PDB file of all heavy atoms in Angstrom:
ATOM      1  N   VAL A   1       0.864  -1.221  -0.019  1.00  0.00           N
ATOM      2  CA  VAL A   1       0.016   0.011   0.011  1.00  0.00           C
ATOM      3  C   VAL A   1       0.860   1.291   0.006  1.00  0.00           C
ATOM      4  O   VAL A   1       1.800   1.394   0.792  1.00  0.00           O
ATOM      5  CB  VAL A   1      -0.945   0.046   1.241  1.00  0.00           C
ATOM      6  CG1 VAL A   1      -1.855   1.274   1.149  1.00  0.00           C
ATOM      7  CG2 VAL A   1      -1.773  -1.254   1.332  1.00  0.00           C
ATOM      8  N   GLU A   2       0.478   2.200  -0.896  1.00  0.00           N
ATOM      9  CA  GLU A   2       1.027   3.524  -0.856  1.00  0.00           C
ATOM     10  C   GLU A   2      -0.136   4.505  -0.773  1.00  0.00           C
ATOM     11  O   GLU A   2      -1.054   4.418  -1.507  1.00  0.00           O
ATOM     12  CB  GLU A   2       1.850   3.851  -2.079  1.00  0.00           C
ATOM     13  CG  GLU A   2       2.415   5.266  -2.111  1.00  0.00           C
ATOM     14  CD  GLU A   2       3.256   5.623  -3.318  1.00  0.00           C
ATOM     15  OE1 GLU A   2       3.334   4.751  -4.257  1.00  0.00           O
ATOM     16  OE2 GLU A   2       3.816   6.703  -3.343  1.00  0.00           O
ATOM     17  N   LEU A   3      -0.080   5.394   0.228  1.00  0.00           N
ATOM     18  CA  LEU A   3      -1.106   6.416   0.393  1.00  0.00           C
ATOM     19  C   LEU A   3      -0.533   7.708  -0.241  1.00  0.00           C
ATOM     20  O   LEU A   3       0.532   8.171   0.133  1.00  0.00           O
ATOM     21  CB  LEU A   3      -1.451   6.626   1.845  1.00  0.00           C
ATOM     22  CG  LEU A   3      -2.550   7.616   2.150  1.00  0.00           C
ATOM     23  CD1 LEU A   3      -3.321   7.254   3.418  1.00  0.00           C
ATOM     24  CD2 LEU A   3      -2.055   9.031   2.304  1.00  0.00           C
ATOM     25  N   ILE A   4      -1.291   8.283  -1.179  1.00  0.00           N
ATOM     26  CA  ILE A   4      -0.848   9.477  -1.886  1.00  0.00           C
ATOM     27  C   ILE A   4      -1.849  10.597  -1.535  1.00  0.00           C
ATOM     28  O   ILE A   4      -3.067  10.468  -1.704  1.00  0.00           O
ATOM     29  CB  ILE A   4      -0.922   9.266  -3.417  1.00  0.00           C
ATOM     30  CG1 ILE A   4       0.029   8.146  -3.776  1.00  0.00           C
ATOM     31  CG2 ILE A   4      -0.484  10.582  -4.142  1.00  0.00           C
ATOM     32  CD1 ILE A   4       0.011   7.725  -5.261  1.00  0.00           C
ATOM     33  N   ALA A   5      -1.343  11.641  -0.897  1.00  0.00           N
ATOM     34  CA  ALA A   5      -2.243  12.724  -0.409  1.00  0.00           C
ATOM     35  C   ALA A   5      -1.687  14.118  -0.757  1.00  0.00           C
ATOM     36  O   ALA A   5      -0.444  14.325  -0.727  1.00  0.00           O
ATOM     37  CB  ALA A   5      -2.308  12.606   1.127  1.00  0.00           C
ATOM     38  N   ARG A   6      -2.544  15.028  -1.113  1.00  0.00           N
ATOM     39  CA  ARG A   6      -2.163  16.379  -1.399  1.00  0.00           C
ATOM     40  C   ARG A   6      -1.628  17.111  -0.166  1.00  0.00           C
ATOM     41  O   ARG A   6      -0.762  17.938  -0.250  1.00  0.00           O
ATOM     42  CB  ARG A   6      -3.395  17.180  -1.949  1.00  0.00           C
ATOM     43  CG  ARG A   6      -3.891  16.745  -3.313  1.00  0.00           C
ATOM     44  CD  ARG A   6      -5.099  17.579  -3.714  1.00  0.00           C
ATOM     45  NE  ARG A   6      -5.629  17.244  -5.006  1.00  0.00           N
ATOM     46  CZ  ARG A   6      -5.228  17.801  -6.141  1.00  0.00           C
ATOM     47  NH1 ARG A   6      -4.258  18.728  -6.114  1.00  0.00           N
ATOM     48  NH2 ARG A   6      -5.747  17.356  -7.295  1.00  0.00           N
ATOM     49  N   THR A   7      -2.205  16.796   1.003  1.00  0.00           N
ATOM     50  CA  THR A   7      -1.827  17.433   2.212  1.00  0.00           C
ATOM     51  C   THR A   7      -0.329  17.261   2.463  1.00  0.00           C
ATOM     52  O   THR A   7       0.250  16.163   2.181  1.00  0.00           O
ATOM     53  CB  THR A   7      -2.625  16.945   3.399  1.00  0.00           C
ATOM     54  OG1 THR A   7      -2.215  17.641   4.564  1.00  0.00           O
ATOM     55  CG2 THR A   7      -2.442  15.444   3.603  1.00  0.00           C
ATOM     56  N   PRO A   8       0.400  18.208   2.951  1.00  0.00           N
ATOM     57  CA  PRO A   8       1.823  18.104   3.168  1.00  0.00           C
ATOM     58  C   PRO A   8       2.277  17.072   4.185  1.00  0.00           C
ATOM     59  O   PRO A   8       3.377  16.554   4.170  1.00  0.00           O
ATOM     60  CB  PRO A   8       2.285  19.545   3.574  1.00  0.00           C
ATOM     61  CG  PRO A   8       1.024  20.205   4.055  1.00  0.00           C
ATOM     62  CD  PRO A   8      -0.092  19.609   3.282  1.00  0.00           C
ATOM     63  N   ALA A   9       1.329  16.738   5.021  1.00  0.00           N
ATOM     64  CA  ALA A   9       1.609  15.682   6.105  1.00  0.00           C
ATOM     65  C   ALA A   9       0.266  15.176   6.613  1.00  0.00           C
ATOM     66  O   ALA A   9      -0.729  15.853   6.548  1.00  0.00           O
ATOM     67  CB  ALA A   9       2.428  16.275   7.234  1.00  0.00           C
ATOM     68  N   ILE A  10       0.284  13.902   7.040  1.00  0.00           N
ATOM     69  CA  ILE A  10      -0.936  13.405   7.691  1.00  0.00           C
ATOM     70  C   ILE A  10      -1.129  14.030   9.036  1.00  0.00           C
ATOM     71  O   ILE A  10      -0.164  14.155   9.811  1.00  0.00           O
ATOM     72  CB  ILE A  10      -0.782  11.875   7.815  1.00  0.00           C
ATOM     73  CG1 ILE A  10      -0.616  11.164   6.488  1.00  0.00           C
ATOM     74  CG2 ILE A  10      -2.026  11.305   8.524  1.00  0.00           C
ATOM     75  CD1 ILE A  10      -1.808  11.399   5.510  1.00  0.00           C
ATOM     76  N   ARG A  11      -2.282  14.536   9.245  1.00  0.00           N
ATOM     77  CA  ARG A  11      -2.570  15.145  10.581  1.00  0.00           C
ATOM     78  C   ARG A  11      -3.078  14.043  11.510  1.00  0.00           C
ATOM     79  O   ARG A  11      -4.188  13.554  11.420  1.00  0.00           O
ATOM     80  CB  ARG A  11      -3.621  16.244  10.411  1.00  0.00           C
ATOM     81  CG  ARG A  11      -3.924  17.008  11.700  1.00  0.00           C
ATOM     82  CD  ARG A  11      -4.979  18.127  11.472  1.00  0.00           C
ATOM     83  NE  ARG A  11      -4.421  19.179  10.663  1.00  0.00           N
ATOM     84  CZ  ARG A  11      -4.756  19.387   9.380  1.00  0.00           C
ATOM     85  NH1 ARG A  11      -5.642  18.582   8.820  1.00  0.00           N
ATOM     86  NH2 ARG A  11      -4.221  20.359   8.676  1.00  0.00           N
ATOM     87  N   TRP A  12      -2.280  13.625  12.445  1.00  0.00           N
ATOM     88  CA  TRP A  12      -2.585  12.565  13.368  1.00  0.00           C
ATOM     89  C   TRP A  12      -3.237  13.202  14.651  1.00  0.00           C
ATOM     90  O   TRP A  12      -2.664  14.134  15.234  1.00  0.00           O
ATOM     91  CB  TRP A  12      -1.340  11.774  13.776  1.00  0.00           C
ATOM     92  CG  TRP A  12      -0.706  11.043  12.670  1.00  0.00           C
ATOM     93  CD1 TRP A  12       0.361  11.381  11.953  1.00  0.00           C
ATOM     94  CD2 TRP A  12      -1.122   9.787  12.134  1.00  0.00           C
ATOM     95  NE1 TRP A  12       0.617  10.454  11.006  1.00  0.00           N
ATOM     96  CE2 TRP A  12      -0.240   9.468  11.085  1.00  0.00           C
ATOM     97  CE3 TRP A  12      -2.173   8.865  12.453  1.00  0.00           C
ATOM     98  CZ2 TRP A  12      -0.329   8.304  10.345  1.00  0.00           C
ATOM     99  CZ3 TRP A  12      -2.294   7.782  11.698  1.00  0.00           C
ATOM    100  CH2 TRP A  12      -1.374   7.436  10.663  1.00  0.00           C
ATOM    101  N   LEU A  13      -4.355  12.678  15.016  1.00  0.00           N
ATOM    102  CA  LEU A  13      -5.114  13.181  16.213  1.00  0.00           C
ATOM    103  C   LEU A  13      -4.568  12.465  17.510  1.00  0.00           C
ATOM    104  O   LEU A  13      -5.330  11.935  18.243  1.00  0.00           O
ATOM    105  CB  LEU A  13      -6.554  13.037  16.013  1.00  0.00           C
ATOM    106  CG  LEU A  13      -7.167  13.727  14.821  1.00  0.00           C
ATOM    107  CD1 LEU A  13      -8.652  13.402  14.680  1.00  0.00           C
ATOM    108  CD2 LEU A  13      -6.950  15.270  14.958  1.00  0.00           C
ATOM    109  N   THR A  14      -3.264  12.595  17.690  1.00  0.00           N
ATOM    110  CA  THR A  14      -2.696  11.899  18.865  1.00  0.00           C
ATOM    111  C   THR A  14      -3.014  12.626  20.182  1.00  0.00           C
ATOM    112  O   THR A  14      -3.340  11.973  21.175  1.00  0.00           O
ATOM    113  CB  THR A  14      -1.155  11.787  18.740  1.00  0.00           C
ATOM    114  OG1 THR A  14      -0.606  13.100  18.387  1.00  0.00           O
ATOM    115  CG2 THR A  14      -0.766  10.825  17.589  1.00  0.00           C
ATOM    116  N   ARG A  15      -2.992  13.927  20.131  1.00  0.00           N
ATOM    117  CA  ARG A  15      -3.359  14.681  21.346  1.00  0.00           C
ATOM    118  C   ARG A  15      -4.808  14.478  21.697  1.00  0.00           C
ATOM    119  O   ARG A  15      -5.156  14.242  22.881  1.00  0.00           O
ATOM    120  CB  ARG A  15      -3.108  16.181  21.134  1.00  0.00           C
ATOM    121  CG  ARG A  15      -3.381  17.061  22.387  1.00  0.00           C
ATOM    122  CD  ARG A  15      -2.948  18.461  22.150  1.00  0.00           C
ATOM    123  NE  ARG A  15      -3.811  19.157  21.247  1.00  0.00           N
ATOM    124  CZ  ARG A  15      -4.790  20.017  21.603  1.00  0.00           C
ATOM    125  NH1 ARG A  15      -4.959  20.295  22.861  1.00  0.00           N
ATOM    126  NH2 ARG A  15      -5.528  20.610  20.674  1.00  0.00           N
ATOM    127  N   SER A  16      -5.619  14.442  20.650  1.00  0.00           N
ATOM    128  CA  SER A  16      -7.056  14.165  20.910  1.00  0.00           C
ATOM    129  C   SER A  16      -7.290  12.763  21.515  1.00  0.00           C
ATOM    130  O   SER A  16      -8.093  12.607  22.469  1.00  0.00           O
ATOM    131  CB  SER A  16      -7.854  14.291  19.598  1.00  0.00           C
ATOM    132  OG  SER A  16      -9.172  13.890  19.710  1.00  0.00           O
ATOM    133  N   SER A  17      -6.540  11.773  20.977  1.00  0.00           N
ATOM    134  CA  SER A  17      -6.668  10.445  21.535  1.00  0.00           C
ATOM    135  C   SER A  17      -6.310  10.443  23.018  1.00  0.00           C
ATOM    136  O   SER A  17      -6.961   9.733  23.836  1.00  0.00           O
ATOM    137  CB  SER A  17      -5.789   9.481  20.757  1.00  0.00           C
ATOM    138  OG  SER A  17      -6.223   9.371  19.430  1.00  0.00           O
ATOM    139  N   LYS A  18      -5.267  11.146  23.398  1.00  0.00           N
ATOM    140  CA  LYS A  18      -4.860  11.167  24.794  1.00  0.00           C
ATOM    141  C   LYS A  18      -5.920  11.886  25.692  1.00  0.00           C
ATOM    142  O   LYS A  18      -6.217  11.459  26.765  1.00  0.00           O
ATOM    143  CB  LYS A  18      -3.512  11.859  24.962  1.00  0.00           C
ATOM    144  CG  LYS A  18      -2.386  11.039  24.322  1.00  0.00           C
ATOM    145  CD  LYS A  18      -1.044  11.807  24.461  1.00  0.00           C
ATOM    146  CE  LYS A  18       0.111  11.009  23.856  1.00  0.00           C
ATOM    147  NZ  LYS A  18       1.419  11.763  23.871  1.00  0.00           N
ATOM    148  N   LEU A  19      -6.411  13.018  25.168  1.00  0.00           N
ATOM    149  CA  LEU A  19      -7.433  13.757  25.926  1.00  0.00           C
ATOM    150  C   LEU A  19      -8.705  12.934  26.149  1.00  0.00           C
ATOM    151  O   LEU A  19      -9.380  13.074  27.202  1.00  0.00           O
ATOM    152  CB  LEU A  19      -7.805  15.039  25.187  1.00  0.00           C
ATOM    153  CG  LEU A  19      -6.681  16.116  25.137  1.00  0.00           C
ATOM    154  CD1 LEU A  19      -7.141  17.287  24.271  1.00  0.00           C
ATOM    155  CD2 LEU A  19      -6.358  16.602  26.536  1.00  0.00           C
ATOM    156  N   HIS A  20      -8.981  12.027  25.180  1.00  0.00           N
ATOM    157  CA  HIS A  20     -10.163  11.189  25.352  1.00  0.00           C
ATOM    158  C   HIS A  20     -10.012  10.065  26.356  1.00  0.00           C
ATOM    159  O   HIS A  20     -10.956   9.388  26.666  1.00  0.00           O
ATOM    160  CB  HIS A  20     -10.583  10.591  23.978  1.00  0.00           C
ATOM    161  CG  HIS A  20     -11.388  11.540  23.187  1.00  0.00           C
ATOM    162  ND1 HIS A  20     -10.893  12.556  22.376  1.00  0.00           N
ATOM    163  CD2 HIS A  20     -12.771  11.662  22.977  1.00  0.00           C
ATOM    164  CE1 HIS A  20     -11.838  13.222  21.730  1.00  0.00           C
ATOM    165  NE2 HIS A  20     -12.982  12.675  22.132  1.00  0.00           N
ATOM    166  N   THR A  21      -8.823   9.963  26.905  1.00  0.00           N
ATOM    167  CA  THR A  21      -8.575   8.918  27.944  1.00  0.00           C
ATOM    168  C   THR A  21      -8.721   9.539  29.331  1.00  0.00           C
ATOM    169  O   THR A  21      -8.638   8.852  30.368  1.00  0.00           O
ATOM    170  CB  THR A  21      -7.207   8.296  27.842  1.00  0.00           C
ATOM    171  OG1 THR A  21      -6.191   9.308  28.043  1.00  0.00           O
ATOM    172  CG2 THR A  21      -7.040   7.665  26.493  1.00  0.00           C
ATOM    173  N   LEU A  22      -8.987  10.917  29.425  1.00  0.00           N
ATOM    174  CA  LEU A  22      -9.183  11.546  30.672  1.00  0.00           C
ATOM    175  C   LEU A  22     -10.444  11.074  31.368  1.00  0.00           C
ATOM    176  O   LEU A  22     -11.347  10.568  30.659  1.00  0.00           O
ATOM    177  CB  LEU A  22      -9.205  13.053  30.469  1.00  0.00           C
ATOM    178  CG  LEU A  22      -7.903  13.719  29.966  1.00  0.00           C
ATOM    179  CD1 LEU A  22      -8.205  15.201  29.639  1.00  0.00           C
ATOM    180  CD2 LEU A  22      -6.818  13.664  31.049  1.00  0.00           C
ATOM    181  N   PRO A  23     -10.639  11.264  32.649  1.00  0.00           N
ATOM    182  CA  PRO A  23     -11.879  10.984  33.308  1.00  0.00           C
ATOM    183  C   PRO A  23     -13.063  11.722  32.639  1.00  0.00           C
ATOM    184  O   PRO A  23     -12.853  12.770  32.011  1.00  0.00           O
ATOM    185  CB  PRO A  23     -11.667  11.519  34.746  1.00  0.00           C
ATOM    186  CG  PRO A  23     -10.183  11.438  34.974  1.00  0.00           C
ATOM    187  CD  PRO A  23      -9.572  11.765  33.597  1.00  0.00           C
ATOM    188  N   THR A  24     -14.217  11.142  32.725  1.00  0.00           N
ATOM    189  CA  THR A  24     -15.388  11.697  32.021  1.00  0.00           C
ATOM    190  C   THR A  24     -15.592  13.181  32.202  1.00  0.00           C
ATOM    191  O   THR A  24     -15.864  13.935  31.296  1.00  0.00           O
ATOM    192  CB  THR A  24     -16.625  10.887  32.433  1.00  0.00           C
ATOM    193  OG1 THR A  24     -16.443   9.517  32.109  1.00  0.00           O
ATOM    194  CG2 THR A  24     -17.854  11.375  31.639  1.00  0.00           C
ATOM    195  N   ARG A  25     -15.525  13.645  33.455  1.00  0.00           N
ATOM    196  CA  ARG A  25     -15.721  15.036  33.722  1.00  0.00           C
ATOM    197  C   ARG A  25     -14.755  15.904  33.017  1.00  0.00           C
ATOM    198  O   ARG A  25     -15.090  16.978  32.475  1.00  0.00           O
ATOM    199  CB  ARG A  25     -15.717  15.335  35.195  1.00  0.00           C
ATOM    200  CG  ARG A  25     -16.917  14.835  35.937  1.00  0.00           C
ATOM    201  CD  ARG A  25     -16.968  15.239  37.397  1.00  0.00           C
ATOM    202  NE  ARG A  25     -18.118  14.790  38.086  1.00  0.00           N
ATOM    203  CZ  ARG A  25     -18.398  15.109  39.393  1.00  0.00           C
ATOM    204  NH1 ARG A  25     -17.553  15.881  40.121  1.00  0.00           N
ATOM    205  NH2 ARG A  25     -19.519  14.679  39.961  1.00  0.00           N
ATOM    206  N   ALA A  26     -13.476  15.478  33.006  1.00  0.00           N
ATOM    207  CA  ALA A  26     -12.498  16.320  32.368  1.00  0.00           C
ATOM    208  C   ALA A  26     -12.656  16.295  30.855  1.00  0.00           C
ATOM    209  O   ALA A  26     -12.517  17.351  30.196  1.00  0.00           O
ATOM    210  CB  ALA A  26     -11.094  15.663  32.713  1.00  0.00           C
ATOM    211  N   GLN A  27     -13.056  15.166  30.265  1.00  0.00           N
ATOM    212  CA  GLN A  27     -13.332  15.063  28.854  1.00  0.00           C
ATOM    213  C   GLN A  27     -14.464  16.050  28.497  1.00  0.00           C
ATOM    214  O   GLN A  27     -14.365  16.793  27.472  1.00  0.00           O
ATOM    215  CB  GLN A  27     -13.720  13.673  28.465  1.00  0.00           C
ATOM    216  CG  GLN A  27     -12.605  12.692  28.425  1.00  0.00           C
ATOM    217  CD  GLN A  27     -13.085  11.363  27.773  1.00  0.00           C
ATOM    218  OE1 GLN A  27     -13.688  11.345  26.754  1.00  0.00           O
ATOM    219  NE2 GLN A  27     -12.793  10.290  28.430  1.00  0.00           N
ATOM    220  N   HIS A  28     -15.508  16.062  29.285  1.00  0.00           N
ATOM    221  CA  HIS A  28     -16.700  16.890  28.974  1.00  0.00           C
ATOM    222  C   HIS A  28     -16.407  18.359  29.170  1.00  0.00           C
ATOM    223  O   HIS A  28     -17.096  19.217  28.627  1.00  0.00           O
ATOM    224  CB  HIS A  28     -17.889  16.470  29.836  1.00  0.00           C
ATOM    225  CG  HIS A  28     -18.544  15.264  29.313  1.00  0.00           C
ATOM    226  ND1 HIS A  28     -19.702  14.702  29.927  1.00  0.00           N
ATOM    227  CD2 HIS A  28     -18.278  14.445  28.311  1.00  0.00           C
ATOM    228  CE1 HIS A  28     -20.099  13.680  29.253  1.00  0.00           C
ATOM    229  NE2 HIS A  28     -19.175  13.470  28.277  1.00  0.00           N
ATOM    230  N   ALA A  29     -15.349  18.673  29.909  1.00  0.00           N
ATOM    231  CA  ALA A  29     -14.926  20.115  29.976  1.00  0.00           C
ATOM    232  C   ALA A  29     -14.303  20.585  28.654  1.00  0.00           C
ATOM    233  O   ALA A  29     -14.322  21.760  28.308  1.00  0.00           O
ATOM    234  CB  ALA A  29     -13.928  20.320  31.135  1.00  0.00           C
ATOM    235  N   LEU A  30     -13.759  19.647  27.914  1.00  0.00           N
ATOM    236  CA  LEU A  30     -13.135  19.965  26.612  1.00  0.00           C
ATOM    237  C   LEU A  30     -14.019  19.635  25.398  1.00  0.00           C
ATOM    238  O   LEU A  30     -13.999  20.364  24.433  1.00  0.00           O
ATOM    239  CB  LEU A  30     -11.803  19.136  26.516  1.00  0.00           C
ATOM    240  CG  LEU A  30     -10.729  19.438  27.572  1.00  0.00           C
ATOM    241  CD1 LEU A  30      -9.636  18.363  27.512  1.00  0.00           C
ATOM    242  CD2 LEU A  30     -10.201  20.847  27.385  1.00  0.00           C
ATOM    243  N   TYR A  31     -14.681  18.517  25.459  1.00  0.00           N
ATOM    244  CA  TYR A  31     -15.436  18.012  24.359  1.00  0.00           C
ATOM    245  C   TYR A  31     -16.898  17.856  24.725  1.00  0.00           C
ATOM    246  O   TYR A  31     -17.258  17.322  25.733  1.00  0.00           O
ATOM    247  CB  TYR A  31     -14.951  16.691  23.878  1.00  0.00           C
ATOM    248  CG  TYR A  31     -13.539  16.634  23.302  1.00  0.00           C
ATOM    249  CD1 TYR A  31     -12.454  16.300  24.127  1.00  0.00           C
ATOM    250  CD2 TYR A  31     -13.332  17.060  22.005  1.00  0.00           C
ATOM    251  CE1 TYR A  31     -11.154  16.329  23.584  1.00  0.00           C
ATOM    252  CE2 TYR A  31     -11.979  17.048  21.453  1.00  0.00           C
ATOM    253  CZ  TYR A  31     -10.936  16.694  22.289  1.00  0.00           C
ATOM    254  OH  TYR A  31      -9.671  16.687  21.791  1.00  0.00           O
ATOM    255  N   ALA A  32     -17.788  18.313  23.816  1.00  0.00           N
ATOM    256  CA  ALA A  32     -19.228  18.052  23.992  1.00  0.00           C
ATOM    257  C   ALA A  32     -19.437  16.571  23.782  1.00  0.00           C
ATOM    258  O   ALA A  32     -18.626  15.851  23.118  1.00  0.00           O
ATOM    259  CB  ALA A  32     -20.039  18.818  22.933  1.00  0.00           C
ATOM    260  N   PRO A  33     -20.515  15.972  24.382  1.00  0.00           N
ATOM    261  CA  PRO A  33     -20.813  14.575  24.178  1.00  0.00           C
ATOM    262  C   PRO A  33     -20.889  14.146  22.705  1.00  0.00           C
ATOM    263  O   PRO A  33     -20.710  12.991  22.360  1.00  0.00           O
ATOM    264  CB  PRO A  33     -22.089  14.363  24.902  1.00  0.00           C
ATOM    265  CG  PRO A  33     -22.130  15.436  25.928  1.00  0.00           C
ATOM    266  CD  PRO A  33     -21.463  16.651  25.315  1.00  0.00           C
ATOM    267  N   THR A  34     -21.235  15.138  21.833  1.00  0.00           N
ATOM    268  CA  THR A  34     -21.343  14.811  20.406  1.00  0.00           C
ATOM    269  C   THR A  34     -20.020  14.451  19.765  1.00  0.00           C
ATOM    270  O   THR A  34     -19.933  13.771  18.739  1.00  0.00           O
ATOM    271  CB  THR A  34     -21.942  16.002  19.625  1.00  0.00           C
ATOM    272  OG1 THR A  34     -21.244  17.222  20.020  1.00  0.00           O
ATOM    273  CG2 THR A  34     -23.411  16.190  19.901  1.00  0.00           C
ATOM    274  N   ASP A  35     -18.889  14.922  20.373  1.00  0.00           N
ATOM    275  CA  ASP A  35     -17.547  14.536  19.991  1.00  0.00           C
ATOM    276  C   ASP A  35     -17.227  14.922  18.548  1.00  0.00           C
ATOM    277  O   ASP A  35     -16.612  14.194  17.767  1.00  0.00           O
ATOM    278  CB  ASP A  35     -17.305  13.023  20.196  1.00  0.00           C
ATOM    279  CG  ASP A  35     -15.819  12.679  20.183  1.00  0.00           C
ATOM    280  OD1 ASP A  35     -14.960  13.531  20.489  1.00  0.00           O
ATOM    281  OD2 ASP A  35     -15.518  11.495  19.758  1.00  0.00           O
ATOM    282  N   VAL A  36     -17.627  16.113  18.126  1.00  0.00           N
ATOM    283  CA  VAL A  36     -17.312  16.598  16.787  1.00  0.00           C
ATOM    284  C   VAL A  36     -16.561  17.979  16.988  1.00  0.00           C
ATOM    285  O   VAL A  36     -17.167  18.901  17.657  1.00  0.00           O
ATOM    286  CB  VAL A  36     -18.553  16.864  15.926  1.00  0.00           C
ATOM    287  CG1 VAL A  36     -18.196  17.504  14.620  1.00  0.00           C
ATOM    288  CG2 VAL A  36     -19.331  15.523  15.741  1.00  0.00           C
ATOM    289  N   GLY A  37     -15.389  18.125  16.498  1.00  0.00           N
ATOM    290  CA  GLY A  37     -14.647  19.328  16.586  1.00  0.00           C
ATOM    291  C   GLY A  37     -13.562  19.238  17.731  1.00  0.00           C
ATOM    292  O   GLY A  37     -13.601  18.379  18.526  1.00  0.00           O
ATOM    293  N   PRO A  38     -12.633  20.206  17.648  1.00  0.00           N
ATOM    294  CA  PRO A  38     -11.557  20.227  18.627  1.00  0.00           C
ATOM    295  C   PRO A  38     -12.057  20.707  20.007  1.00  0.00           C
ATOM    296  O   PRO A  38     -13.147  21.239  20.145  1.00  0.00           O
ATOM    297  CB  PRO A  38     -10.559  21.220  17.983  1.00  0.00           C
ATOM    298  CG  PRO A  38     -11.399  22.142  17.178  1.00  0.00           C
ATOM    299  CD  PRO A  38     -12.537  21.272  16.651  1.00  0.00           C
ATOM    300  N   PRO A  39     -11.154  20.630  20.994  1.00  0.00           N
ATOM    301  CA  PRO A  39     -11.564  21.085  22.370  1.00  0.00           C
ATOM    302  C   PRO A  39     -12.142  22.492  22.329  1.00  0.00           C
ATOM    303  O   PRO A  39     -11.591  23.381  21.620  1.00  0.00           O
ATOM    304  CB  PRO A  39     -10.291  21.061  23.157  1.00  0.00           C
ATOM    305  CG  PRO A  39      -9.495  20.022  22.431  1.00  0.00           C
ATOM    306  CD  PRO A  39      -9.766  20.151  21.007  1.00  0.00           C
ATOM    307  N   GLY A  40     -13.187  22.718  23.079  1.00  0.00           N
ATOM    308  CA  GLY A  40     -13.844  24.073  23.136  1.00  0.00           C
ATOM    309  C   GLY A  40     -14.802  24.279  22.029  1.00  0.00           C
ATOM    310  O   GLY A  40     -15.986  24.441  22.261  1.00  0.00           O
ATOM    311  N   LEU A  41     -14.294  24.344  20.795  1.00  0.00           N
ATOM    312  CA  LEU A  41     -15.127  24.505  19.628  1.00  0.00           C
ATOM    313  C   LEU A  41     -16.230  23.372  19.542  1.00  0.00           C
ATOM    314  O   LEU A  41     -17.316  23.600  19.012  1.00  0.00           O
ATOM    315  CB  LEU A  41     -14.318  24.534  18.363  1.00  0.00           C
ATOM    316  CG  LEU A  41     -15.020  24.652  17.028  1.00  0.00           C
ATOM    317  CD1 LEU A  41     -15.948  25.921  17.021  1.00  0.00           C
ATOM    318  CD2 LEU A  41     -14.074  24.668  15.898  1.00  0.00           C
ATOM    319  N   SER A  42     -15.839  22.212  20.085  1.00  0.00           N
ATOM    320  CA  SER A  42     -16.770  21.095  20.056  1.00  0.00           C
ATOM    321  C   SER A  42     -18.145  21.422  20.695  1.00  0.00           C
ATOM    322  O   SER A  42     -19.194  21.051  20.226  1.00  0.00           O
ATOM    323  CB  SER A  42     -16.138  19.918  20.817  1.00  0.00           C
ATOM    324  OG  SER A  42     -17.031  18.876  21.000  1.00  0.00           O
ATOM    325  N   TRP A  43     -18.131  22.296  21.728  1.00  0.00           N
ATOM    326  CA  TRP A  43     -19.348  22.680  22.400  1.00  0.00           C
ATOM    327  C   TRP A  43     -20.222  23.581  21.568  1.00  0.00           C
ATOM    328  O   TRP A  43     -21.428  23.444  21.521  1.00  0.00           O
ATOM    329  CB  TRP A  43     -19.032  23.329  23.738  1.00  0.00           C
ATOM    330  CG  TRP A  43     -18.732  22.291  24.800  1.00  0.00           C
ATOM    331  CD1 TRP A  43     -17.571  21.938  25.288  1.00  0.00           C
ATOM    332  CD2 TRP A  43     -19.733  21.508  25.520  1.00  0.00           C
ATOM    333  NE1 TRP A  43     -17.673  20.978  26.232  1.00  0.00           N
ATOM    334  CE2 TRP A  43     -19.037  20.709  26.420  1.00  0.00           C
ATOM    335  CE3 TRP A  43     -21.136  21.451  25.483  1.00  0.00           C
ATOM    336  CZ2 TRP A  43     -19.680  19.786  27.268  1.00  0.00           C
ATOM    337  CZ3 TRP A  43     -21.728  20.551  26.332  1.00  0.00           C
ATOM    338  CH2 TRP A  43     -21.001  19.774  27.188  1.00  0.00           C
ATOM    339  N   LEU A  44     -19.556  24.459  20.784  1.00  0.00           N
ATOM    340  CA  LEU A  44     -20.315  25.320  19.913  1.00  0.00           C
ATOM    341  C   LEU A  44     -20.967  24.536  18.741  1.00  0.00           C
ATOM    342  O   LEU A  44     -22.116  24.731  18.428  1.00  0.00           O
ATOM    343  CB  LEU A  44     -19.444  26.410  19.355  1.00  0.00           C
ATOM    344  CG  LEU A  44     -20.084  27.419  18.359  1.00  0.00           C
ATOM    345  CD1 LEU A  44     -21.258  28.112  18.974  1.00  0.00           C
ATOM    346  CD2 LEU A  44     -19.069  28.441  17.868  1.00  0.00           C
TER     347      LEU A  44
END
């Protein structure tokens, strides 16, 4: 397999993956339960 992409680099959501391992209350302070969008903006 070769992945060919226009983007200059693959954007890995490693920080997001780590934040999602926080306790539930801490997660909900950053992410809405809908889990769409980055921290903070997710609630809007």
